[in-house]
Amino acid sequence: MPKRKERLSREEIINTYVLRAISRGSDVIITDLAAPGDLDILKNSLKKAGKRLYLWIMCREKELGNYDGFAFKKIRL
């Protein structure tokens, strides 16, 4: 199988996460994205999808500060 020659942008990659979840009938997107910029892209992708999906972000406790500006519920495991 030939490799892709073009490179996808970060926004295109994140959009594929959302589309993959929808195509599989999932209501939850699980990700380990830590960059707040990625979260803005992901939130916009979720809005464009027009389907209510839940977002589960896995991170280390020291990375929790990255998400303080967002209204996310935090669960410590």
PDB file of N, CA and C in Angstrom:
ATOM      1  N   MET A   1       0.840  -1.165   0.000  1.00  0.00           N
ATOM      2  CA  MET A   1       0.000   0.000   0.000  1.00  0.00           C
ATOM      3  C   MET A   1       0.895   1.242   0.000  1.00  0.00           C
ATOM      4  N   PRO A   2       0.679   2.174  -0.923  1.00  0.00           N
ATOM      5  CA  PRO A   2       1.529   3.367  -0.972  1.00  0.00           C
ATOM      6  C   PRO A   2       1.245   4.303   0.201  1.00  0.00           C
ATOM      7  N   LYS A   3       2.274   5.004   0.629  1.00  0.00           N
ATOM      8  CA  LYS A   3       2.120   5.965   1.721  1.00  0.00           C
ATOM      9  C   LYS A   3       1.566   7.269   1.165  1.00  0.00           C
ATOM     10  N   ARG A   4       0.865   7.996   2.020  1.00  0.00           N
ATOM     11  CA  ARG A   4       0.326   9.298   1.611  1.00  0.00           C
ATOM     12  C   ARG A   4       1.467  10.266   1.395  1.00  0.00           C
ATOM     13  N   LYS A   5       1.373  11.053   0.354  1.00  0.00           N
ATOM     14  CA  LYS A   5       2.412  12.045   0.086  1.00  0.00           C
ATOM     15  C   LYS A   5       2.085  13.380   0.736  1.00  0.00           C
ATOM     16  N   GLU A   6       0.793  13.671   0.879  1.00  0.00           N
ATOM     17  CA  GLU A   6       0.429  14.937   1.498  1.00  0.00           C
ATOM     18  C   GLU A   6       0.360  14.773   3.015  1.00  0.00           C
ATOM     19  N   ARG A   7       0.516  15.850   3.711  1.00  0.00           N
ATOM     20  CA  ARG A   7       0.453  15.843   5.175  1.00  0.00           C
ATOM     21  C   ARG A   7      -0.838  16.531   5.601  1.00  0.00           C
ATOM     22  N   LEU A   8      -1.505  15.955   6.567  1.00  0.00           N
ATOM     23  CA  LEU A   8      -2.732  16.542   7.078  1.00  0.00           C
ATOM     24  C   LEU A   8      -2.399  17.597   8.125  1.00  0.00           C
ATOM     25  N   SER A   9      -3.204  18.647   8.148  1.00  0.00           N
ATOM     26  CA  SER A   9      -3.036  19.672   9.173  1.00  0.00           C
ATOM     27  C   SER A   9      -3.571  19.130  10.496  1.00  0.00           C
ATOM     28  N   ARG A  10      -3.252  19.816  11.572  1.00  0.00           N
ATOM     29  CA  ARG A  10      -3.721  19.391  12.899  1.00  0.00           C
ATOM     30  C   ARG A  10      -5.249  19.402  12.933  1.00  0.00           C
ATOM     31  N   GLU A  11      -5.849  20.407  12.303  1.00  0.00           N
ATOM     32  CA  GLU A  11      -7.310  20.493  12.263  1.00  0.00           C
ATOM     33  C   GLU A  11      -7.913  19.306  11.508  1.00  0.00           C
ATOM     34  N   GLU A  12      -7.307  18.918  10.408  1.00  0.00           N
ATOM     35  CA  GLU A  12      -7.800  17.773   9.640  1.00  0.00           C
ATOM     36  C   GLU A  12      -7.677  16.473  10.437  1.00  0.00           C
ATOM     37  N   ILE A  13      -6.597  16.328  11.167  1.00  0.00           N
ATOM     38  CA  ILE A  13      -6.409  15.127  11.988  1.00  0.00           C
ATOM     39  C   ILE A  13      -7.476  15.061  13.081  1.00  0.00           C
ATOM     40  N   ILE A  14      -7.721  16.180  13.733  1.00  0.00           N
ATOM     41  CA  ILE A  14      -8.719  16.216  14.799  1.00  0.00           C
ATOM     42  C   ILE A  14     -10.114  15.969  14.232  1.00  0.00           C
ATOM     43  N   ASN A  15     -10.396  16.514  13.046  1.00  0.00           N
ATOM     44  CA  ASN A  15     -11.691  16.253  12.407  1.00  0.00           C
ATOM     45  C   ASN A  15     -11.881  14.764  12.140  1.00  0.00           C
ATOM     46  N   THR A  16     -10.799  14.060  11.821  1.00  0.00           N
ATOM     47  CA  THR A  16     -10.926  12.617  11.590  1.00  0.00           C
ATOM     48  C   THR A  16     -11.288  11.879  12.874  1.00  0.00           C
ATOM     49  N   TYR A  17     -10.815  12.360  14.039  1.00  0.00           N
ATOM     50  CA  TYR A  17     -11.222  11.761  15.319  1.00  0.00           C
ATOM     51  C   TYR A  17     -12.747  11.815  15.452  1.00  0.00           C
ATOM     52  N   VAL A  18     -13.297  13.004  15.180  1.00  0.00           N
ATOM     53  CA  VAL A  18     -14.736  13.205  15.323  1.00  0.00           C
ATOM     54  C   VAL A  18     -15.500  12.347  14.316  1.00  0.00           C
ATOM     55  N   LEU A  19     -15.083  12.375  13.061  1.00  0.00           N
ATOM     56  CA  LEU A  19     -15.767  11.592  12.029  1.00  0.00           C
ATOM     57  C   LEU A  19     -15.682  10.094  12.296  1.00  0.00           C
ATOM     58  N   ARG A  20     -14.549   9.647  12.792  1.00  0.00           N
ATOM     59  CA  ARG A  20     -14.387   8.225  13.110  1.00  0.00           C
ATOM     60  C   ARG A  20     -15.345   7.816  14.227  1.00  0.00           C
ATOM     61  N   ALA A  21     -15.483   8.658  15.242  1.00  0.00           N
ATOM     62  CA  ALA A  21     -16.404   8.346  16.340  1.00  0.00           C
ATOM     63  C   ALA A  21     -17.841   8.277  15.835  1.00  0.00           C
ATOM     64  N   ILE A  22     -18.228   9.220  14.988  1.00  0.00           N
ATOM     65  CA  ILE A  22     -19.588   9.229  14.445  1.00  0.00           C
ATOM     66  C   ILE A  22     -19.830   8.002  13.576  1.00  0.00           C
ATOM     67  N   SER A  23     -18.873   7.674  12.728  1.00  0.00           N
ATOM     68  CA  SER A  23     -19.058   6.550  11.807  1.00  0.00           C
ATOM     69  C   SER A  23     -19.166   5.211  12.535  1.00  0.00           C
ATOM     70  N   ARG A  24     -18.578   5.124  13.705  1.00  0.00           N
ATOM     71  CA  ARG A  24     -18.645   3.882  14.483  1.00  0.00           C
ATOM     72  C   ARG A  24     -19.816   3.866  15.456  1.00  0.00           C
ATOM     73  N   GLY A  25     -20.614   4.919  15.433  1.00  0.00           N
ATOM     74  CA  GLY A  25     -21.776   4.974  16.308  1.00  0.00           C
ATOM     75  C   GLY A  25     -21.447   5.279  17.754  1.00  0.00           C
ATOM     76  N   SER A  26     -20.275   5.818  18.001  1.00  0.00           N
ATOM     77  CA  SER A  26     -19.841   6.118  19.365  1.00  0.00           C
ATOM     78  C   SER A  26     -20.359   7.481  19.803  1.00  0.00           C
ATOM     79  N   ASP A  27     -20.664   7.609  21.073  1.00  0.00           N
ATOM     80  CA  ASP A  27     -21.055   8.895  21.644  1.00  0.00           C
ATOM     81  C   ASP A  27     -19.923   9.535  22.424  1.00  0.00           C
ATOM     82  N   VAL A  28     -18.783   8.852  22.491  1.00  0.00           N
ATOM     83  CA  VAL A  28     -17.653   9.325  23.286  1.00  0.00           C
ATOM     84  C   VAL A  28     -16.403   9.385  22.421  1.00  0.00           C
ATOM     85  N   ILE A  29     -15.656  10.475  22.550  1.00  0.00           N
ATOM     86  CA  ILE A  29     -14.354  10.596  21.910  1.00  0.00           C
ATOM     87  C   ILE A  29     -13.320  10.573  23.024  1.00  0.00           C
ATOM     88  N   ILE A  30     -12.391   9.638  22.944  1.00  0.00           N
ATOM     89  CA  ILE A  30     -11.326   9.530  23.943  1.00  0.00           C
ATOM     90  C   ILE A  30     -10.042  10.015  23.305  1.00  0.00           C
ATOM     91  N   THR A  31      -9.381  10.942  23.963  1.00  0.00           N
ATOM     92  CA  THR A  31      -8.162  11.508  23.403  1.00  0.00           C
ATOM     93  C   THR A  31      -7.158  11.806  24.506  1.00  0.00           C
ATOM     94  N   ASP A  32      -5.931  11.979  24.115  1.00  0.00           N
ATOM     95  CA  ASP A  32      -4.891  12.373  25.066  1.00  0.00           C
ATOM     96  C   ASP A  32      -4.276  13.703  24.648  1.00  0.00           C
ATOM     97  N   LEU A  33      -5.060  14.517  23.957  1.00  0.00           N
ATOM     98  CA  LEU A  33      -4.569  15.827  23.530  1.00  0.00           C
ATOM     99  C   LEU A  33      -4.309  16.693  24.753  1.00  0.00           C
ATOM    100  N   ALA A  34      -3.192  17.352  24.780  1.00  0.00           N
ATOM    101  CA  ALA A  34      -2.869  18.187  25.934  1.00  0.00           C
ATOM    102  C   ALA A  34      -2.794  19.667  25.584  1.00  0.00           C
ATOM    103  N   ALA A  35      -2.749  20.004  24.317  1.00  0.00           N
ATOM    104  CA  ALA A  35      -2.590  21.402  23.917  1.00  0.00           C
ATOM    105  C   ALA A  35      -3.943  22.114  23.900  1.00  0.00           C
ATOM    106  N   PRO A  36      -4.067  23.241  24.609  1.00  0.00           N
ATOM    107  CA  PRO A  36      -5.328  23.985  24.590  1.00  0.00           C
ATOM    108  C   PRO A  36      -5.753  24.390  23.179  1.00  0.00           C
ATOM    109  N   GLY A  37      -4.819  24.658  22.293  1.00  0.00           N
ATOM    110  CA  GLY A  37      -5.164  24.987  20.905  1.00  0.00           C
ATOM    111  C   GLY A  37      -5.873  23.838  20.215  1.00  0.00           C
ATOM    112  N   ASP A  38      -5.457  22.624  20.517  1.00  0.00           N
ATOM    113  CA  ASP A  38      -6.120  21.445  19.957  1.00  0.00           C
ATOM    114  C   ASP A  38      -7.545  21.326  20.480  1.00  0.00           C
ATOM    115  N   LEU A  39      -7.760  21.713  21.716  1.00  0.00           N
ATOM    116  CA  LEU A  39      -9.102  21.627  22.288  1.00  0.00           C
ATOM    117  C   LEU A  39     -10.054  22.595  21.606  1.00  0.00           C
ATOM    118  N   ASP A  40      -9.576  23.778  21.252  1.00  0.00           N
ATOM    119  CA  ASP A  40     -10.418  24.724  20.523  1.00  0.00           C
ATOM    120  C   ASP A  40     -10.825  24.139  19.175  1.00  0.00           C
ATOM    121  N   ILE A  41      -9.880  23.532  18.488  1.00  0.00           N
ATOM    122  CA  ILE A  41     -10.176  22.892  17.202  1.00  0.00           C
ATOM    123  C   ILE A  41     -11.177  21.763  17.407  1.00  0.00           C
ATOM    124  N   LEU A  42     -10.981  20.968  18.440  1.00  0.00           N
ATOM    125  CA  LEU A  42     -11.863  19.836  18.712  1.00  0.00           C
ATOM    126  C   LEU A  42     -13.274  20.306  19.053  1.00  0.00           C
ATOM    127  N   LYS A  43     -13.389  21.350  19.861  1.00  0.00           N
ATOM    128  CA  LYS A  43     -14.707  21.886  20.195  1.00  0.00           C
ATOM    129  C   LYS A  43     -15.431  22.368  18.946  1.00  0.00           C
ATOM    130  N   ASN A  44     -14.712  23.035  18.037  1.00  0.00           N
ATOM    131  CA  ASN A  44     -15.326  23.495  16.794  1.00  0.00           C
ATOM    132  C   ASN A  44     -15.747  22.322  15.922  1.00  0.00           C
ATOM    133  N   SER A  45     -14.942  21.275  15.885  1.00  0.00           N
ATOM    134  CA  SER A  45     -15.279  20.080  15.106  1.00  0.00           C
ATOM    135  C   SER A  45     -16.532  19.408  15.656  1.00  0.00           C
ATOM    136  N   LEU A  46     -16.648  19.368  16.976  1.00  0.00           N
ATOM    137  CA  LEU A  46     -17.833  18.775  17.596  1.00  0.00           C
ATOM    138  C   LEU A  46     -19.083  19.580  17.263  1.00  0.00           C
ATOM    139  N   LYS A  47     -18.961  20.903  17.246  1.00  0.00           N
ATOM    140  CA  LYS A  47     -20.103  21.750  16.888  1.00  0.00           C
ATOM    141  C   LYS A  47     -20.508  21.520  15.438  1.00  0.00           C
ATOM    142  N   LYS A  48     -19.521  21.439  14.543  1.00  0.00           N
ATOM    143  CA  LYS A  48     -19.807  21.214  13.120  1.00  0.00           C
ATOM    144  C   LYS A  48     -20.463  19.865  12.878  1.00  0.00           C
ATOM    145  N   ALA A  49     -20.122  18.879  13.678  1.00  0.00           N
ATOM    146  CA  ALA A  49     -20.655  17.528  13.486  1.00  0.00           C
ATOM    147  C   ALA A  49     -22.170  17.494  13.682  1.00  0.00           C
ATOM    148  N   GLY A  50     -22.684  18.383  14.500  1.00  0.00           N
ATOM    149  CA  GLY A  50     -24.121  18.453  14.707  1.00  0.00           C
ATOM    150  C   GLY A  50     -24.684  17.307  15.535  1.00  0.00           C
ATOM    151  N   LYS A  51     -23.840  16.521  16.132  1.00  0.00           N
ATOM    152  CA  LYS A  51     -24.268  15.416  16.987  1.00  0.00           C
ATOM    153  C   LYS A  51     -23.645  15.624  18.359  1.00  0.00           C
ATOM    154  N   ARG A  52     -24.415  15.352  19.387  1.00  0.00           N
ATOM    155  CA  ARG A  52     -23.880  15.520  20.744  1.00  0.00           C
ATOM    156  C   ARG A  52     -22.930  14.368  21.050  1.00  0.00           C
ATOM    157  N   LEU A  53     -21.692  14.703  21.216  1.00  0.00           N
ATOM    158  CA  LEU A  53     -20.663  13.724  21.555  1.00  0.00           C
ATOM    159  C   LEU A  53     -20.004  14.143  22.859  1.00  0.00           C
ATOM    160  N   TYR A  54     -19.543  13.184  23.610  1.00  0.00           N
ATOM    161  CA  TYR A  54     -18.842  13.452  24.859  1.00  0.00           C
ATOM    162  C   TYR A  54     -17.347  13.312  24.632  1.00  0.00           C
ATOM    163  N   LEU A  55     -16.602  14.124  25.332  1.00  0.00           N
ATOM    164  CA  LEU A  55     -15.149  14.142  25.183  1.00  0.00           C
ATOM    165  C   LEU A  55     -14.501  13.668  26.478  1.00  0.00           C
ATOM    166  N   TRP A  56     -13.652  12.666  26.373  1.00  0.00           N
ATOM    167  CA  TRP A  56     -12.900  12.141  27.521  1.00  0.00           C
ATOM    168  C   TRP A  56     -11.433  12.403  27.225  1.00  0.00           C
ATOM    169  N   ILE A  57     -10.793  13.227  28.051  1.00  0.00           N
ATOM    170  CA  ILE A  57      -9.388  13.575  27.854  1.00  0.00           C
ATOM    171  C   ILE A  57      -8.569  12.900  28.946  1.00  0.00           C
ATOM    172  N   MET A  58      -7.607  12.118  28.525  1.00  0.00           N
ATOM    173  CA  MET A  58      -6.713  11.466  29.484  1.00  0.00           C
ATOM    174  C   MET A  58      -5.456  12.319  29.629  1.00  0.00           C
ATOM    175  N   CYS A  59      -5.105  12.638  30.860  1.00  0.00           N
ATOM    176  CA  CYS A  59      -3.888  13.418  31.081  1.00  0.00           C
ATOM    177  C   CYS A  59      -3.333  13.096  32.463  1.00  0.00           C
ATOM    178  N   ARG A  60      -2.136  13.551  32.687  1.00  0.00           N
ATOM    179  CA  ARG A  60      -1.510  13.404  34.003  1.00  0.00           C
ATOM    180  C   ARG A  60      -1.995  14.542  34.905  1.00  0.00           C
ATOM    181  N   GLU A  61      -1.918  14.316  36.192  1.00  0.00           N
ATOM    182  CA  GLU A  61      -2.406  15.318  37.136  1.00  0.00           C
ATOM    183  C   GLU A  61      -1.686  16.652  36.963  1.00  0.00           C
ATOM    184  N   LYS A  62      -0.402  16.616  36.632  1.00  0.00           N
ATOM    185  CA  LYS A  62       0.347  17.867  36.461  1.00  0.00           C
ATOM    186  C   LYS A  62      -0.113  18.652  35.229  1.00  0.00           C
ATOM    187  N   GLU A  63      -0.853  18.005  34.307  1.00  0.00           N
ATOM    188  CA  GLU A  63      -1.352  18.681  33.105  1.00  0.00           C
ATOM    189  C   GLU A  63      -2.760  19.241  33.283  1.00  0.00           C
ATOM    190  N   LEU A  64      -3.371  19.046  34.447  1.00  0.00           N
ATOM    191  CA  LEU A  64      -4.738  19.514  34.662  1.00  0.00           C
ATOM    192  C   LEU A  64      -4.872  21.019  34.484  1.00  0.00           C
ATOM    193  N   GLY A  65      -3.836  21.765  34.780  1.00  0.00           N
ATOM    194  CA  GLY A  65      -3.872  23.214  34.624  1.00  0.00           C
ATOM    195  C   GLY A  65      -4.118  23.653  33.191  1.00  0.00           C
ATOM    196  N   ASN A  66      -3.792  22.805  32.225  1.00  0.00           N
ATOM    197  CA  ASN A  66      -4.044  23.130  30.816  1.00  0.00           C
ATOM    198  C   ASN A  66      -5.526  23.300  30.523  1.00  0.00           C
ATOM    199  N   TYR A  67      -6.371  22.714  31.350  1.00  0.00           N
ATOM    200  CA  TYR A  67      -7.798  22.698  31.072  1.00  0.00           C
ATOM    201  C   TYR A  67      -8.604  23.615  31.981  1.00  0.00           C
ATOM    202  N   ASP A  68      -7.934  24.458  32.764  1.00  0.00           N
ATOM    203  CA  ASP A  68      -8.638  25.346  33.689  1.00  0.00           C
ATOM    204  C   ASP A  68      -9.542  26.341  32.979  1.00  0.00           C
ATOM    205  N   GLY A  69      -9.196  26.763  31.775  1.00  0.00           N
ATOM    206  CA  GLY A  69     -10.004  27.733  31.041  1.00  0.00           C
ATOM    207  C   GLY A  69     -11.240  27.132  30.390  1.00  0.00           C
ATOM    208  N   PHE A  70     -11.405  25.828  30.495  1.00  0.00           N
ATOM    209  CA  PHE A  70     -12.542  25.147  29.884  1.00  0.00           C
ATOM    210  C   PHE A  70     -13.470  24.650  30.983  1.00  0.00           C
ATOM    211  N   ALA A  71     -14.740  24.586  30.688  1.00  0.00           N
ATOM    212  CA  ALA A  71     -15.731  24.142  31.681  1.00  0.00           C
ATOM    213  C   ALA A  71     -15.875  22.625  31.629  1.00  0.00           C
ATOM    214  N   PHE A  72     -14.790  21.921  31.915  1.00  0.00           N
ATOM    215  CA  PHE A  72     -14.797  20.463  31.894  1.00  0.00           C
ATOM    216  C   PHE A  72     -14.949  19.928  33.307  1.00  0.00           C
ATOM    217  N   LYS A  73     -15.675  18.826  33.425  1.00  0.00           N
ATOM    218  CA  LYS A  73     -15.697  18.100  34.692  1.00  0.00           C
ATOM    219  C   LYS A  73     -14.413  17.293  34.756  1.00  0.00           C
ATOM    220  N   LYS A  74     -13.796  17.268  35.918  1.00  0.00           N
ATOM    221  CA  LYS A  74     -12.541  16.539  36.069  1.00  0.00           C
ATOM    222  C   LYS A  74     -12.748  15.335  36.972  1.00  0.00           C
ATOM    223  N   ILE A  75     -12.253  14.198  36.515  1.00  0.00           N
ATOM    224  CA  ILE A  75     -12.330  12.961  37.281  1.00  0.00           C
ATOM    225  C   ILE A  75     -10.913  12.453  37.468  1.00  0.00           C
ATOM    226  N   ARG A  76     -10.514  12.269  38.699  1.00  0.00           N
ATOM    227  CA  ARG A  76      -9.168  11.737  38.960  1.00  0.00           C
ATOM    228  C   ARG A  76      -9.263  10.233  39.145  1.00  0.00           C
ATOM    229  N   LEU A  77      -8.462   9.514  38.402  1.00  0.00           N
ATOM    230  CA  LEU A  77      -8.456   8.048  38.509  1.00  0.00           C
ATOM    231  C   LEU A  77      -7.207   7.588  39.214  1.00  0.00           C
TER     232      LEU A  77
END
